[in-house]
């Protein structure tokens, strides 16, 4: 698992990988080359230039995404998309519900604007 450290003053959780997870991530990094400068996120299709246009340095690096069940490499994604996947616990059912939720809101907006 991943050890968690809660920062209640700021209201977010910092993930502190266990030594086992760190070892897996290091192995996956060695086996999967960091993307070149022309790469865009596998999920949102944004480039590092687009992601970091407001000077946010933590957004200007690709994140190694891996399956938490099998500890296998899935791909390189941006920080925002990696956080999104983590927020949904990599659960397709929850992600599908989120899509339905967003679509319903958009439909309501379209109904009120016509």
Protein backbone atom coordinates (compact mmCIF):
# COMPACT_ATOMS: atom_id res chain seq x y z
CA UNK A 1 0.00 0.00 0.00
CA UNK A 2 0.90 3.66 0.07
CA UNK A 3 1.45 5.43 3.37
CA UNK A 4 -0.45 8.70 3.70
CA UNK A 5 0.43 11.87 5.51
CA UNK A 6 -2.46 14.25 6.08
CA UNK A 7 -1.84 17.97 6.22
CA UNK A 8 -4.97 19.25 7.95
CA UNK A 9 -3.84 22.88 7.89
CA UNK A 10 -3.91 22.97 4.11
CA UNK A 11 -6.54 20.30 3.54
CA UNK A 12 -4.75 17.85 1.27
CA UNK A 13 -3.03 14.49 1.54
CA UNK A 14 0.63 13.95 0.65
CA UNK A 15 1.39 10.45 -0.60
CA UNK A 16 4.55 8.93 0.83
CA UNK A 17 5.32 5.72 -1.05
CA UNK A 18 6.50 2.75 0.97
CA UNK A 19 10.00 1.42 0.16
CA UNK A 20 8.33 -1.44 -1.78
CA UNK A 21 6.36 0.98 -3.99
CA UNK A 22 9.43 3.17 -4.47
CA UNK A 23 11.35 0.11 -5.67
CA UNK A 24 8.59 -0.77 -8.15
CA UNK A 25 8.38 2.80 -9.46
CA UNK A 26 12.16 3.00 -9.89
CA UNK A 27 12.12 -0.30 -11.80
CA UNK A 28 9.29 0.94 -14.07
CA UNK A 29 11.13 4.22 -14.69
CA UNK A 30 14.22 2.30 -15.81
CA UNK A 31 12.16 0.09 -18.12
CA UNK A 32 10.05 2.89 -19.69
CA UNK A 33 11.81 5.84 -21.25
CA UNK A 34 10.73 9.33 -20.20
CA UNK A 35 8.75 10.94 -23.05
CA UNK A 36 10.49 13.22 -25.52
CA UNK A 37 9.79 16.96 -25.83
CA UNK A 38 7.00 16.45 -28.41
CA UNK A 39 4.96 14.14 -26.17
CA UNK A 40 1.47 15.03 -24.98
CA UNK A 41 -0.49 13.51 -22.11
CA UNK A 42 -2.05 10.14 -22.94
CA UNK A 43 -5.35 11.30 -21.36
CA UNK A 44 -5.84 15.05 -21.89
CA UNK A 45 -3.48 15.45 -24.87
CA UNK A 46 -1.84 18.58 -23.42
CA UNK A 47 1.89 19.23 -23.71
CA UNK A 48 4.16 20.23 -20.83
CA UNK A 49 4.28 23.72 -22.30
CA UNK A 50 0.48 23.98 -22.14
CA UNK A 51 0.34 22.50 -18.65
CA UNK A 52 3.02 24.77 -17.21
CA UNK A 53 2.03 28.00 -18.92
CA UNK A 54 1.31 29.67 -15.56
CA UNK A 55 4.73 28.82 -14.14
CA UNK A 56 3.64 25.87 -12.00
CA UNK A 57 6.82 23.81 -11.98
CA UNK A 58 5.27 20.62 -10.56
CA UNK A 59 3.02 20.47 -13.63
CA UNK A 60 6.02 20.59 -15.98
CA UNK A 61 7.02 16.93 -15.54
CA UNK A 62 5.42 13.72 -16.74
CA UNK A 63 4.19 11.27 -14.11
CA UNK A 64 4.74 7.56 -14.45
CA UNK A 65 1.29 5.98 -14.20
CA UNK A 66 1.06 2.39 -13.08
CA UNK A 67 -1.64 -0.13 -12.25
CA UNK A 68 -1.88 -0.40 -8.48
CA UNK A 69 -3.25 -3.95 -8.70
CA UNK A 70 -0.55 -5.44 -10.92
CA UNK A 71 2.26 -2.87 -10.47
CA UNK A 72 2.60 -2.66 -14.26
CA UNK A 73 3.35 0.43 -16.34
CA UNK A 74 0.34 2.08 -18.01
CA UNK A 75 1.95 5.18 -19.46
CA UNK A 76 3.15 8.72 -18.86
CA UNK A 77 0.49 11.27 -17.95
CA UNK A 78 0.38 14.81 -16.64
CA UNK A 79 0.12 15.57 -12.94
CA UNK A 80 -3.52 16.66 -13.23
CA UNK A 81 -4.63 13.48 -15.01
CA UNK A 82 -2.66 11.29 -12.61
CA UNK A 83 -4.34 13.04 -9.69
CA UNK A 84 -7.72 12.53 -11.38
CA UNK A 85 -7.13 8.81 -11.82
CA UNK A 86 -6.05 8.53 -8.20
CA UNK A 87 -9.09 10.49 -7.05
CA UNK A 88 -11.28 7.94 -8.81
CA UNK A 89 -9.23 5.05 -7.37
CA UNK A 90 -8.61 3.84 -10.96
CA UNK A 91 -12.19 2.51 -10.81
CA UNK A 92 -13.89 2.48 -14.23
CA UNK A 93 -17.36 2.40 -12.68
CA UNK A 94 -16.67 5.60 -10.75
CA UNK A 95 -15.11 7.24 -13.82
CA UNK A 96 -18.17 6.28 -15.93
CA UNK A 97 -20.47 7.74 -13.26
CA UNK A 98 -18.43 10.96 -13.33
CA UNK A 99 -18.88 11.16 -17.12
CA UNK A 100 -22.65 10.67 -16.77
CA UNK A 101 -22.74 13.30 -14.02
CA UNK A 102 -20.93 15.85 -16.19
CA UNK A 103 -23.08 15.04 -19.23
CA UNK A 104 -26.30 15.49 -17.24
CA UNK A 105 -25.12 18.91 -16.06
CA UNK A 106 -24.24 19.93 -19.62
CA UNK A 107 -27.68 18.75 -20.81
CA UNK A 108 -29.40 20.83 -18.11
CA UNK A 109 -27.37 23.88 -19.17
CA UNK A 110 -28.28 23.32 -22.81
CA UNK A 111 -31.99 23.00 -21.91
CA UNK A 112 -32.00 26.29 -20.01
CA UNK A 113 -30.11 28.09 -22.81
CA UNK A 114 -32.52 27.09 -25.60
